[in-house]
């Protein structure tokens, strides 16, 4: 078994040791370990898991660990500390997953996502070029509105927690950036304010990358580039564009706070938007 699989399996085991598990939950943990151990393409398996309501939040955490291990050079002097950090961060997500599934439903979920392959993609639904797109179809349901309220609501970070400083740094600017995005729909942005927000988001993207949280890093960088493109008049802040950027913020908050809310649709929209703007160059 390769190093990445061993690392992830052992981090799951370490996280599970901090939970009180009954027989069914122990079996689900074994199934998760088996899924990872037997995966022909672990990256694809994790990506498929991210399309499932039950598995998505846990899969996002696994994806962060996978990317940390597979991209760049690993500092062997710090690997023990990183392992403890990753295992600690898995505890709450693993706990919620084990509360949501049993061995039978877990097997059914895995079978379903494999049959469906990589499901719904927003690439064909987000128009980043039209300045006069009819967006009357882009209306949120009451469920989506409530879900966003739950995720984005203010709540204090408990003092003394392991990741207190990191969480505070990542979450602190989110509310202001969210308000800025909303104003883009009704007024011209202040170029200096856009630059300031971009600098903060890029800084937090780098901080998250240093800590091994690739998803959080990517979401910060996508919003930062989107704002820079808007400032350079390379991107028009339509409703769809703004909501795609807000989806990035929602993913950041949900992951950092460990919210027990399905964010699959937000993650899909955010990642699709990121792929679309990746190749756009900023002139000047």
Protein backbone atom coordinates (compact mmCIF):
# COMPACT_ATOMS: atom_id res chain seq x y z
CA UNK A 1 0.00 0.00 0.00
CA UNK A 2 1.35 3.43 -0.91
CA UNK A 3 2.25 6.11 1.60
CA UNK A 4 -0.75 8.37 0.91
CA UNK A 5 -3.26 5.59 1.48
CA UNK A 6 -1.51 4.50 4.65
CA UNK A 7 -1.42 8.07 5.96
CA UNK A 8 -5.12 8.70 5.30
CA UNK A 9 -6.22 5.32 6.69
CA UNK A 10 -4.19 5.81 9.84
CA UNK A 11 -5.49 9.37 10.29
CA UNK A 12 -9.07 8.04 10.05
CA UNK A 13 -8.22 5.36 12.61
CA UNK A 14 -6.69 7.95 14.92
CA UNK A 15 -9.78 10.15 14.59
CA UNK A 16 -12.13 7.23 15.25
CA UNK A 17 -10.23 6.40 18.43
CA UNK A 18 -11.48 9.69 19.85
CA UNK A 19 -15.13 8.71 19.29
CA UNK A 20 -17.44 6.38 21.15
CA UNK A 21 -18.43 3.86 18.50
CA UNK A 22 -21.00 1.10 18.49
CA UNK A 23 -20.74 -2.00 16.33
CA UNK A 24 -22.38 -0.39 13.29
CA UNK A 25 -20.15 2.67 13.38
CA UNK A 26 -17.04 0.52 13.73
CA UNK A 27 -18.16 -1.37 10.62
CA UNK A 28 -18.61 1.89 8.67
CA UNK A 29 -15.10 2.99 9.65
CA UNK A 30 -13.82 -0.35 8.36
CA UNK A 31 -15.71 0.16 5.11
CA UNK A 32 -14.18 3.62 4.69
CA UNK A 33 -10.71 2.23 5.28
CA UNK A 34 -11.36 -0.57 2.82
CA UNK A 35 -12.66 1.87 0.22
CA UNK A 36 -9.45 3.88 0.44
CA UNK A 37 -7.15 0.85 0.54
CA UNK A 38 -8.68 -0.72 -2.57
CA UNK A 39 -9.09 2.46 -4.61
CA UNK A 40 -7.40 2.20 -8.00
CA UNK A 41 -7.55 5.99 -8.29
CA UNK A 42 -7.83 7.52 -4.83
CA UNK A 43 -8.17 11.08 -6.10
CA UNK A 44 -11.16 10.07 -8.25
CA UNK A 45 -12.77 8.14 -5.39
CA UNK A 46 -12.56 11.19 -3.13
CA UNK A 47 -13.91 13.41 -5.90
CA UNK A 48 -16.86 11.06 -6.32
CA UNK A 49 -17.49 11.12 -2.57
CA UNK A 50 -17.70 14.92 -2.73
CA UNK A 51 -20.80 14.57 -4.97
CA UNK A 52 -22.74 12.77 -2.21
CA UNK A 53 -24.83 14.65 0.34
CA UNK A 54 -23.88 12.22 3.10
CA UNK A 55 -20.19 12.03 2.30
CA UNK A 56 -19.32 15.46 0.91
CA UNK A 57 -18.09 17.26 4.05
CA UNK A 58 -15.96 14.31 5.11
CA UNK A 59 -14.66 13.94 1.55
CA UNK A 60 -13.64 17.60 1.44
CA UNK A 61 -11.44 16.98 4.48
CA UNK A 62 -9.95 13.86 2.88
CA UNK A 63 -9.29 15.85 -0.28
CA UNK A 64 -7.34 18.44 1.70
CA UNK A 65 -5.17 15.71 3.22
CA UNK A 66 -4.68 14.04 -0.17
CA UNK A 67 -3.60 17.28 -1.82
CA UNK A 68 -1.19 18.07 1.02
CA UNK A 69 0.45 14.68 0.55
CA UNK A 70 0.46 14.60 -3.25
CA UNK A 71 1.43 18.16 -4.12
CA UNK A 72 4.79 19.70 -3.36
CA UNK A 73 7.48 18.53 -0.97
CA UNK A 74 6.56 17.10 2.41
CA UNK A 75 8.60 18.38 5.34
CA UNK A 76 9.48 15.13 7.11
CA UNK A 77 10.50 17.04 10.25
CA UNK A 78 6.92 18.27 10.60
CA UNK A 79 5.03 15.23 9.30
CA UNK A 80 4.17 13.97 12.79
CA UNK A 81 2.65 17.30 13.77
CA UNK A 82 0.72 17.46 10.48
CA UNK A 83 -0.60 13.95 11.06
CA UNK A 84 -1.89 14.92 14.51
CA UNK A 85 -3.46 18.06 13.05
CA UNK A 86 -5.16 16.20 10.20
CA UNK A 87 -6.43 13.47 12.54
CA UNK A 88 -7.77 16.03 14.98
CA UNK A 89 -9.56 17.91 12.22
CA UNK A 90 -11.17 14.69 10.94
CA UNK A 91 -12.88 13.90 14.24
CA UNK A 92 -15.94 16.12 13.93
CA UNK A 93 -16.51 15.34 10.25
CA UNK A 94 -16.13 11.59 10.81
CA UNK A 95 -18.51 11.78 13.76
CA UNK A 96 -21.20 13.49 11.67
CA UNK A 97 -20.72 10.99 8.85
CA UNK A 98 -21.10 8.05 11.23
CA UNK A 99 -24.29 9.58 12.62
CA UNK A 100 -25.70 9.97 9.09
CA UNK A 101 -25.05 6.49 7.67
CA UNK A 102 -25.07 2.83 8.63
CA UNK A 103 -23.17 0.01 6.89
CA UNK A 104 -26.02 -0.67 4.47
CA UNK A 105 -26.66 2.96 3.51
CA UNK A 106 -22.92 3.61 3.18
CA UNK A 107 -22.56 0.73 0.72
CA UNK A 108 -25.61 1.95 -1.21
CA UNK A 109 -24.25 5.51 -1.35
CA UNK A 110 -20.85 4.37 -2.63
CA UNK A 111 -22.51 2.14 -5.22
CA UNK A 112 -24.74 4.99 -6.38
CA UNK A 113 -21.98 7.56 -6.85
CA UNK A 114 -19.89 5.03 -8.74
CA UNK A 115 -22.79 4.26 -11.06
CA UNK A 116 -23.50 7.92 -11.67
CA UNK A 117 -19.84 8.86 -12.11
CA UNK A 118 -19.01 12.54 -11.71
CA UNK A 119 -22.49 13.98 -11.54
CA UNK A 120 -23.93 17.42 -12.22
CA UNK A 121 -21.40 19.98 -13.43
CA UNK A 122 -22.15 23.70 -13.57
CA UNK A 123 -19.72 24.45 -16.40
CA UNK A 124 -22.52 24.88 -18.93
CA UNK A 125 -24.76 26.82 -16.56
CA UNK A 126 -22.49 29.70 -15.53
CA UNK A 127 -22.16 32.43 -18.12
CA UNK A 128 -19.04 34.49 -17.43
CA UNK A 129 -19.03 36.44 -20.67
CA UNK A 130 -22.53 37.79 -21.27
CA UNK A 131 -23.33 41.21 -19.89
CA UNK A 132 -27.05 40.92 -20.53
CA UNK A 133 -27.90 37.42 -19.38
CA UNK A 134 -31.50 36.80 -18.33
CA UNK A 135 -31.02 35.60 -14.78
CA UNK A 136 -34.65 35.36 -13.75
CA UNK A 137 -34.18 31.58 -13.69
CA UNK A 138 -31.50 31.87 -11.00
CA UNK A 139 -33.72 32.01 -7.93
CA UNK A 140 -32.93 30.41 -4.60
CA UNK A 141 -35.31 28.09 -2.82
CA UNK A 142 -36.32 28.75 0.77
CA UNK A 143 -34.20 25.74 1.73
CA UNK A 144 -31.10 27.26 0.11
CA UNK A 145 -31.74 30.61 1.79
CA UNK A 146 -32.07 28.93 5.19
CA UNK A 147 -28.99 26.80 4.55
CA UNK A 148 -26.88 29.87 3.73
CA UNK A 149 -28.17 31.65 6.82
CA UNK A 150 -27.15 28.70 9.01
CA UNK A 151 -23.69 28.52 7.48
CA UNK A 152 -22.94 32.24 7.36
CA UNK A 153 -24.40 33.28 10.72
CA UNK A 154 -21.96 34.85 13.15
CA UNK A 155 -20.79 32.69 16.02
CA UNK A 156 -17.82 33.09 18.34
CA UNK A 157 -14.80 30.84 18.06
CA UNK A 158 -14.39 29.03 21.36
CA UNK A 159 -11.24 30.14 23.17
CA UNK A 160 -8.52 27.59 23.58
CA UNK A 161 -9.40 25.47 20.56
CA UNK A 162 -6.53 23.93 18.63
CA UNK A 163 -7.11 25.95 15.46
CA UNK A 164 -8.38 29.16 17.06
CA UNK A 165 -5.88 31.54 15.43
CA UNK A 166 -6.21 29.88 12.03
CA UNK A 167 -10.02 29.93 12.16
CA UNK A 168 -10.13 33.56 13.24
CA UNK A 169 -7.78 34.62 10.44
CA UNK A 170 -9.77 32.77 7.78
CA UNK A 171 -13.24 33.75 8.98
CA UNK A 172 -12.62 37.38 9.97
CA UNK A 173 -12.83 38.94 6.47
CA UNK A 174 -15.65 36.74 5.13
CA UNK A 175 -18.54 38.94 6.22
CA UNK A 176 -17.01 42.08 4.65
CA UNK A 177 -16.21 40.27 1.42
CA UNK A 178 -19.74 38.87 1.30
CA UNK A 179 -21.19 42.36 1.68
CA UNK A 180 -18.87 43.65 -1.04
CA UNK A 181 -20.04 40.93 -3.43
CA UNK A 182 -23.67 41.83 -2.82
CA UNK A 183 -23.01 45.51 -3.57
CA UNK A 184 -21.45 44.62 -6.93
CA UNK A 185 -24.95 43.95 -8.25
CA UNK A 186 -26.20 47.46 -7.56
CA UNK A 187 -23.21 49.79 -7.76
CA UNK A 188 -19.72 50.18 -9.18
CA UNK A 189 -17.05 48.82 -6.84
CA UNK A 190 -14.36 50.95 -5.25
CA UNK A 191 -11.13 49.76 -6.96
CA UNK A 192 -9.11 50.29 -3.79
CA UNK A 193 -11.55 48.25 -1.73
CA UNK A 194 -11.34 45.45 -4.29
CA UNK A 195 -7.54 45.44 -4.08
CA UNK A 196 -7.65 45.40 -0.27
CA UNK A 197 -10.04 42.43 -0.24
CA UNK A 198 -7.90 40.59 -2.80
CA UNK A 199 -4.76 41.03 -0.70
CA UNK A 200 -6.50 39.64 2.39
CA UNK A 201 -7.98 36.70 0.48
CA UNK A 202 -4.66 35.86 -1.17
CA UNK A 203 -2.90 36.04 2.19
CA UNK A 204 -5.47 33.69 3.73
CA UNK A 205 -5.15 31.42 0.70
CA UNK A 206 -1.42 31.15 1.36
CA UNK A 207 -2.02 30.56 5.07
CA UNK A 208 -4.48 27.75 4.34
CA UNK A 209 -2.08 26.19 1.84
CA UNK A 210 0.71 26.25 4.41
CA UNK A 211 -1.58 24.44 6.86
CA UNK A 212 -2.50 21.83 4.26
CA UNK A 213 -6.09 23.00 3.70
CA UNK A 214 -6.22 23.01 -0.09
CA UNK A 215 -9.97 23.50 -0.42
CA UNK A 216 -9.94 26.60 1.79
CA UNK A 217 -6.89 27.90 -0.08
CA UNK A 218 -8.52 27.37 -3.48
CA UNK A 219 -11.77 29.05 -2.47
CA UNK A 220 -9.92 32.16 -1.21
CA UNK A 221 -7.85 32.35 -4.38
CA UNK A 222 -10.87 31.94 -6.68
CA UNK A 223 -12.67 34.87 -5.06
CA UNK A 224 -9.49 36.97 -5.13
CA UNK A 225 -8.99 36.37 -8.85
CA UNK A 226 -12.66 37.01 -9.56
CA UNK A 227 -12.45 40.39 -7.86
CA UNK A 228 -9.27 41.26 -9.76
CA UNK A 229 -10.97 40.35 -13.04
CA UNK A 230 -13.94 42.54 -12.14
CA UNK A 231 -11.61 45.42 -11.29
CA UNK A 232 -9.88 45.00 -14.68
CA UNK A 233 -13.26 44.90 -16.47
CA UNK A 234 -12.49 41.37 -17.66
CA UNK A 235 -15.49 39.98 -15.78
CA UNK A 236 -18.97 41.43 -15.38
CA UNK A 237 -20.49 40.97 -11.89
CA UNK A 238 -23.80 39.42 -12.97
CA UNK A 239 -26.01 37.65 -10.45
CA UNK A 240 -24.65 34.25 -11.45
CA UNK A 241 -21.05 35.42 -11.15
CA UNK A 242 -21.65 36.97 -7.73
CA UNK A 243 -23.44 33.87 -6.45
CA UNK A 244 -20.63 31.68 -7.76
CA UNK A 245 -18.12 33.75 -5.79
CA UNK A 246 -20.39 33.69 -2.74
CA UNK A 247 -20.46 29.90 -3.08
CA UNK A 248 -16.70 29.98 -2.44
CA UNK A 249 -17.25 31.91 0.79
CA UNK A 250 -19.98 29.51 1.89
CA UNK A 251 -17.66 26.54 1.36
CA UNK A 252 -14.90 28.27 3.36
CA UNK A 253 -17.17 28.98 6.31
CA UNK A 254 -18.80 25.54 6.27
CA UNK A 255 -15.46 23.73 6.20
CA UNK A 256 -13.77 25.88 8.84
CA UNK A 257 -16.76 25.77 11.21
CA UNK A 258 -17.47 22.12 10.47
CA UNK A 259 -21.12 22.89 9.73
CA UNK A 260 -23.36 19.84 9.45
CA UNK A 261 -24.94 21.12 6.23
CA UNK A 262 -24.77 19.70 2.71
CA UNK A 263 -22.57 22.02 0.64
CA UNK A 264 -22.16 19.81 -2.42
CA UNK A 265 -23.94 22.22 -4.78
CA UNK A 266 -21.89 25.18 -3.50
CA UNK A 267 -18.63 23.27 -3.89
CA UNK A 268 -19.55 22.20 -7.44
CA UNK A 269 -20.48 25.76 -8.41
CA UNK A 270 -17.36 27.25 -6.81
CA UNK A 271 -14.96 24.76 -8.40
CA UNK A 272 -16.64 25.13 -11.81
CA UNK A 273 -16.33 28.91 -11.63
CA UNK A 274 -12.68 28.56 -10.62
CA UNK A 275 -11.97 26.39 -13.66
CA UNK A 276 -13.67 28.89 -15.96
CA UNK A 277 -11.71 31.93 -14.81
CA UNK A 278 -8.39 30.10 -14.46
CA UNK A 279 -7.30 30.83 -18.02
CA UNK A 280 -8.47 34.46 -18.11
CA UNK A 281 -5.49 36.81 -18.01
CA UNK A 282 -5.62 40.10 -16.16
CA UNK A 283 -4.42 42.88 -18.43
CA UNK A 284 -2.57 45.86 -17.05
